[in-house]
């Protein structure tokens, strides 16, 4: 029982250290955004995957099937195809949960994976490289776990979808 508070303290310390890191200059942010948009051009079909959930996450009411259905519905609503056969990209959702008392620490991450070739050597092919990612750390009471995780995934997927749609205009 003493391990959980130590781990929670470590998890909760991460955002503070990330916020104190130097910010990218505005021009660099714009350049990275343009690179992201270029990398997403042509995505019309995706496969959605949700990593296996921890026992704490399952006990808290989370389900791989529900999370996957949420993300797939969001993509279909945006007129993108969801298919296991020959996708342009793979959207991967991962949720890590740790329960301590009546609270959960949760890490939520949405990633876009694509096959890429290196510009310095186009013969080098990297399958399913991460080309976009967004994550959040949450500390929520047990009754709010499911709603908070689903809402956080929805926000991340919305950001990804907006970029994909913008890149394909």
Protein backbone atom coordinates (compact mmCIF):
# COMPACT_ATOMS: atom_id res chain seq x y z
CA UNK A 1 0.00 0.00 0.00
CA UNK A 2 2.91 2.41 0.46
CA UNK A 3 3.94 2.06 -3.18
CA UNK A 4 0.80 3.65 -4.69
CA UNK A 5 1.27 7.13 -3.11
CA UNK A 6 4.90 7.16 -4.26
CA UNK A 7 3.92 6.30 -7.81
CA UNK A 8 1.09 8.85 -7.77
CA UNK A 9 3.48 11.55 -6.61
CA UNK A 10 5.83 10.70 -9.45
CA UNK A 11 3.02 10.76 -12.02
CA UNK A 12 1.67 14.07 -10.73
CA UNK A 13 5.14 15.62 -10.82
CA UNK A 14 5.49 15.08 -14.59
CA UNK A 15 3.20 17.89 -15.81
CA UNK A 16 4.91 20.46 -13.61
CA UNK A 17 8.33 19.60 -15.02
CA UNK A 18 6.96 19.61 -18.56
CA UNK A 19 5.42 23.05 -18.05
CA UNK A 20 8.68 24.48 -16.74
CA UNK A 21 10.62 23.33 -19.80
CA UNK A 22 11.46 26.06 -22.32
CA UNK A 23 8.68 26.82 -24.80
CA UNK A 24 9.31 26.52 -28.51
CA UNK A 25 9.46 29.82 -30.39
CA UNK A 26 6.29 30.66 -32.32
CA UNK A 27 8.00 30.08 -35.68
CA UNK A 28 9.13 26.61 -34.61
CA UNK A 29 5.59 25.71 -33.51
CA UNK A 30 4.23 26.82 -36.87
CA UNK A 31 6.87 24.80 -38.71
CA UNK A 32 6.06 21.66 -36.68
CA UNK A 33 2.35 22.15 -37.36
CA UNK A 34 3.00 22.45 -41.11
CA UNK A 35 5.10 19.29 -40.98
CA UNK A 36 2.30 17.47 -39.13
CA UNK A 37 -0.24 18.63 -41.71
CA UNK A 38 1.98 17.49 -44.59
CA UNK A 39 2.45 14.08 -42.96
CA UNK A 40 -1.34 13.66 -42.65
CA UNK A 41 -2.15 14.57 -46.25
CA UNK A 42 -3.94 11.71 -48.00
CA UNK A 43 -5.19 9.88 -44.91
CA UNK A 44 -8.64 8.57 -45.77
CA UNK A 45 -8.75 5.20 -44.01
CA UNK A 46 -7.63 4.33 -40.50
CA UNK A 47 -7.49 1.34 -38.24
CA UNK A 48 -8.23 2.00 -34.57
CA UNK A 49 -6.50 0.05 -31.83
CA UNK A 50 -6.84 0.26 -28.07
CA UNK A 51 -4.13 -1.30 -25.96
CA UNK A 52 -5.13 -3.79 -23.28
CA UNK A 53 -6.28 -2.10 -20.09
CA UNK A 54 -4.83 -2.69 -16.65
CA UNK A 55 -6.94 -4.51 -14.08
CA UNK A 56 -7.37 -1.19 -12.19
CA UNK A 57 -8.80 0.38 -15.37
CA UNK A 58 -11.20 -2.52 -15.96
CA UNK A 59 -12.26 -2.52 -12.30
CA UNK A 60 -12.89 1.22 -12.63
CA UNK A 61 -15.38 0.57 -15.45
CA UNK A 62 -13.26 1.12 -18.59
CA UNK A 63 -13.64 -1.21 -21.55
CA UNK A 64 -11.44 -1.68 -24.62
CA UNK A 65 -14.55 -2.22 -26.76
CA UNK A 66 -16.29 0.98 -25.62
CA UNK A 67 -13.16 3.11 -26.08
CA UNK A 68 -12.54 1.64 -29.54
CA UNK A 69 -16.17 2.20 -30.56
CA UNK A 70 -15.97 5.84 -29.35
CA UNK A 71 -12.93 6.54 -31.52
CA UNK A 72 -14.23 4.67 -34.57
CA UNK A 73 -17.55 6.54 -34.40
CA UNK A 74 -15.70 9.86 -34.26
CA UNK A 75 -13.72 8.99 -37.41
CA UNK A 76 -16.80 7.74 -39.26
CA UNK A 77 -18.68 10.92 -38.29
CA UNK A 78 -15.87 12.89 -39.95
CA UNK A 79 -16.37 10.90 -43.19
CA UNK A 80 -13.17 8.88 -42.78
CA UNK A 81 -13.22 5.13 -43.35
CA UNK A 82 -12.40 2.75 -40.52
CA UNK A 83 -11.05 -0.56 -41.77
CA UNK A 84 -8.60 -3.27 -40.81
CA UNK A 85 -7.70 -3.78 -44.49
CA UNK A 86 -4.95 -1.57 -45.93
CA UNK A 87 -5.35 1.53 -43.78
CA UNK A 88 -3.46 4.74 -44.52
CA UNK A 89 -2.72 5.09 -40.80
CA UNK A 90 -3.27 3.45 -37.42
CA UNK A 91 -4.75 5.36 -34.49
CA UNK A 92 -3.62 3.82 -31.20
CA UNK A 93 -5.17 4.65 -27.83
CA UNK A 94 -3.49 3.74 -24.57
CA UNK A 95 -4.81 4.24 -21.07
CA UNK A 96 -2.81 3.45 -17.96
CA UNK A 97 -4.57 3.56 -14.60
CA UNK A 98 -3.44 3.22 -11.04
CA UNK A 99 -5.90 3.24 -8.16
CA UNK A 100 -5.06 4.59 -4.73
CA UNK A 101 -7.89 4.75 -2.24
CA UNK A 102 -10.87 6.36 -3.96
CA UNK A 103 -8.81 8.07 -6.68
CA UNK A 104 -7.23 7.10 -9.97
CA UNK A 105 -4.18 8.41 -11.72
CA UNK A 106 -4.62 7.85 -15.44
CA UNK A 107 -2.37 8.39 -18.40
CA UNK A 108 -4.25 8.80 -21.68
CA UNK A 109 -2.42 8.87 -25.02
CA UNK A 110 -3.63 8.96 -28.62
CA UNK A 111 -1.05 8.30 -31.34
CA UNK A 112 -1.07 8.28 -35.13
CA UNK A 113 1.17 5.63 -36.72
CA UNK A 114 2.13 5.59 -40.39
CA UNK A 115 4.62 3.80 -42.59
CA UNK A 116 7.47 6.19 -43.37
CA UNK A 117 10.66 6.34 -45.42
CA UNK A 118 13.67 8.31 -44.26
CA UNK A 119 14.44 11.42 -46.29
CA UNK A 120 18.17 10.82 -46.04
CA UNK A 121 17.72 7.28 -47.39
CA UNK A 122 14.30 6.55 -48.93
CA UNK A 123 15.20 2.85 -49.15
CA UNK A 124 14.92 2.69 -45.33
CA UNK A 125 11.29 1.92 -44.54
CA UNK A 126 9.96 2.34 -40.98
CA UNK A 127 6.66 0.52 -40.43
CA UNK A 128 4.09 2.20 -38.21
CA UNK A 129 6.26 5.04 -36.92
CA UNK A 130 4.55 7.49 -34.57
CA UNK A 131 3.94 10.66 -36.58
CA UNK A 132 1.60 12.45 -34.15
CA UNK A 133 0.79 12.01 -30.47
CA UNK A 134 -1.16 13.74 -27.73
CA UNK A 135 -1.37 12.71 -24.11
CA UNK A 136 -2.74 13.83 -20.78
CA UNK A 137 -2.33 12.83 -17.16
CA UNK A 138 -5.44 12.77 -14.99
CA UNK A 139 -6.13 12.49 -11.28
CA UNK A 140 -9.81 11.75 -10.77
CA UNK A 141 -12.14 10.32 -8.18
CA UNK A 142 -13.28 6.75 -8.82
CA UNK A 143 -16.83 7.72 -9.86
CA UNK A 144 -15.47 10.10 -12.55
CA UNK A 145 -12.86 7.78 -14.08
CA UNK A 146 -14.85 6.52 -17.08
CA UNK A 147 -16.28 9.92 -18.03
CA UNK A 148 -12.92 11.69 -17.61
CA UNK A 149 -10.96 9.15 -19.67
CA UNK A 150 -13.55 9.05 -22.47
CA UNK A 151 -13.71 12.85 -22.56
CA UNK A 152 -9.91 13.15 -22.68
CA UNK A 153 -9.69 10.63 -25.52
CA UNK A 154 -12.45 12.52 -27.36
CA UNK A 155 -10.52 15.81 -27.05
CA UNK A 156 -7.31 14.23 -28.36
CA UNK A 157 -9.07 12.50 -31.25
CA UNK A 158 -10.81 15.79 -32.12
CA UNK A 159 -7.40 17.51 -32.36
CA UNK A 160 -6.10 14.72 -34.58
CA UNK A 161 -9.19 14.70 -36.79
CA UNK A 162 -9.10 18.47 -37.23
CA UNK A 163 -5.52 18.23 -38.45
CA UNK A 164 -6.28 15.33 -40.80
CA UNK A 165 -9.29 17.16 -42.25
CA UNK A 166 -7.34 20.42 -42.61
CA UNK A 167 -4.47 18.62 -44.37
CA UNK A 168 -6.88 17.07 -46.88
CA UNK A 169 -8.72 20.26 -47.93
